[in-house]
Amino acid sequence: METKFIQIQDVTVGELAEAISEKLMPKIKLYLDQVEESKDHDTYLTREEAAQYFSISLTTLWSWTNKGVLKSCRLGNKIYYLKADLKKAVQYR
């Protein structure tokens, strides 16, 4: 492994910090977006939570599900919606 040295002159600590943050912040934001997106693939919402997510009534949620606008999952006698699917539906419309 080759060792490299960087010599910094005529730069204040604040300027150095600003230069570093300009390079790192886009990468950090991208990483956080990916982490948030991966959470959505595991998050299931109840009917009430899904309706609240869209600020609609349960009747409208039922209608959208029957029309195929939204995909639902049934576990026993409960209905759930995958949060990632809800976000896709918003982007699609």
Protein backbone atom coordinates (compact mmCIF):
# COMPACT_ATOMS: atom_id res chain seq x y z
CA MET A 1 0.00 0.00 0.00
CA GLU A 2 1.35 3.36 -0.99
CA THR A 3 1.29 6.14 1.58
CA LYS A 4 0.33 9.60 0.38
CA PHE A 5 0.80 12.89 2.16
CA ILE A 6 -1.36 15.93 1.69
CA GLN A 7 -0.02 19.31 2.62
CA ILE A 8 -2.53 22.07 3.24
CA GLN A 9 -1.45 25.69 3.34
CA ASP A 10 -3.24 29.04 3.49
CA VAL A 11 -6.58 27.45 4.36
CA THR A 12 -8.54 28.08 7.53
CA VAL A 13 -10.14 25.26 9.44
CA GLY A 14 -13.56 26.57 8.44
CA GLU A 15 -12.67 26.61 4.76
CA LEU A 16 -11.31 23.07 4.98
CA ALA A 17 -14.44 21.88 6.76
CA GLU A 18 -16.63 23.54 4.13
CA ALA A 19 -14.68 21.94 1.26
CA ILE A 20 -14.95 18.50 2.86
CA SER A 21 -18.66 18.87 3.58
CA GLU A 22 -19.36 19.92 -0.03
CA LYS A 23 -17.88 16.63 -1.22
CA LEU A 24 -19.37 14.40 1.48
CA MET A 25 -22.94 15.72 1.86
CA PRO A 26 -24.26 14.45 -1.51
CA LYS A 27 -22.87 11.00 -0.79
CA ILE A 28 -24.32 10.99 2.73
CA LYS A 29 -27.74 12.09 1.43
CA LEU A 30 -27.69 9.36 -1.22
CA TYR A 31 -26.84 6.75 1.41
CA LEU A 32 -29.59 7.96 3.75
CA ASP A 33 -32.13 7.87 0.89
CA GLN A 34 -31.13 4.28 0.15
CA VAL A 35 -31.49 3.33 3.81
CA GLU A 36 -34.90 5.00 3.98
CA GLU A 37 -36.01 3.27 0.79
CA SER A 38 -34.93 -0.13 2.10
CA LYS A 39 -37.01 0.47 5.25
CA ASP A 40 -40.09 1.04 3.11
CA HIS A 41 -39.77 -2.42 1.58
CA ASP A 42 -40.22 -3.93 5.05
CA THR A 43 -42.88 -1.58 6.42
CA TYR A 44 -46.52 -2.65 6.25
CA LEU A 45 -49.32 -0.20 7.00
CA THR A 46 -52.81 -1.03 8.22
CA ARG A 47 -55.83 0.18 6.27
CA GLU A 48 -56.18 3.11 8.63
CA GLU A 49 -52.50 4.06 8.30
CA ALA A 50 -52.64 3.78 4.50
CA ALA A 51 -55.75 5.98 4.34
CA GLN A 52 -54.04 8.50 6.60
CA TYR A 53 -50.91 8.38 4.40
CA PHE A 54 -53.01 9.56 1.43
CA SER A 55 -55.42 11.68 3.53
CA ILE A 56 -58.38 9.76 2.14
CA SER A 57 -61.28 7.84 3.63
CA LEU A 58 -61.31 4.07 4.12
CA THR A 59 -64.01 3.87 1.43
CA THR A 60 -61.73 5.57 -1.11
CA LEU A 61 -58.87 3.29 -0.08
CA TRP A 62 -61.13 0.27 -0.63
CA SER A 63 -62.17 1.65 -4.04
CA TRP A 64 -58.57 2.24 -5.14
CA THR A 65 -57.64 -1.27 -4.03
CA ASN A 66 -60.55 -2.82 -5.97
CA LYS A 67 -59.63 -0.81 -9.10
CA GLY A 68 -56.04 -2.04 -8.88
CA VAL A 69 -54.57 1.38 -8.14
CA LEU A 70 -53.15 0.00 -4.88
CA LYS A 71 -51.93 -3.47 -4.01
CA SER A 72 -52.88 -4.94 -0.66
CA CYS A 73 -51.73 -7.97 1.31
CA ARG A 74 -53.99 -10.08 3.45
CA LEU A 75 -52.78 -11.74 6.64
CA GLY A 76 -55.61 -13.68 8.18
CA ASN A 77 -58.58 -11.34 8.20
CA LYS A 78 -56.44 -8.16 8.22
CA ILE A 79 -55.43 -6.12 5.19
CA TYR A 80 -52.04 -4.40 4.95
CA TYR A 81 -50.32 -2.18 2.41
CA LEU A 82 -46.60 -2.15 1.73
CA LYS A 83 -45.33 1.41 2.16
CA ALA A 84 -43.04 1.09 -0.88
CA ASP A 85 -46.11 0.23 -3.02
CA LEU A 86 -47.94 3.30 -1.74
CA LYS A 87 -44.99 5.51 -2.69
CA LYS A 88 -44.89 3.94 -6.16
CA ALA A 89 -48.60 4.61 -6.61
CA VAL A 90 -48.05 8.28 -5.77
CA GLN A 91 -45.18 8.57 -8.24
CA TYR A 92 -47.13 6.76 -10.95
CA ARG A 93 -50.18 9.01 -10.71
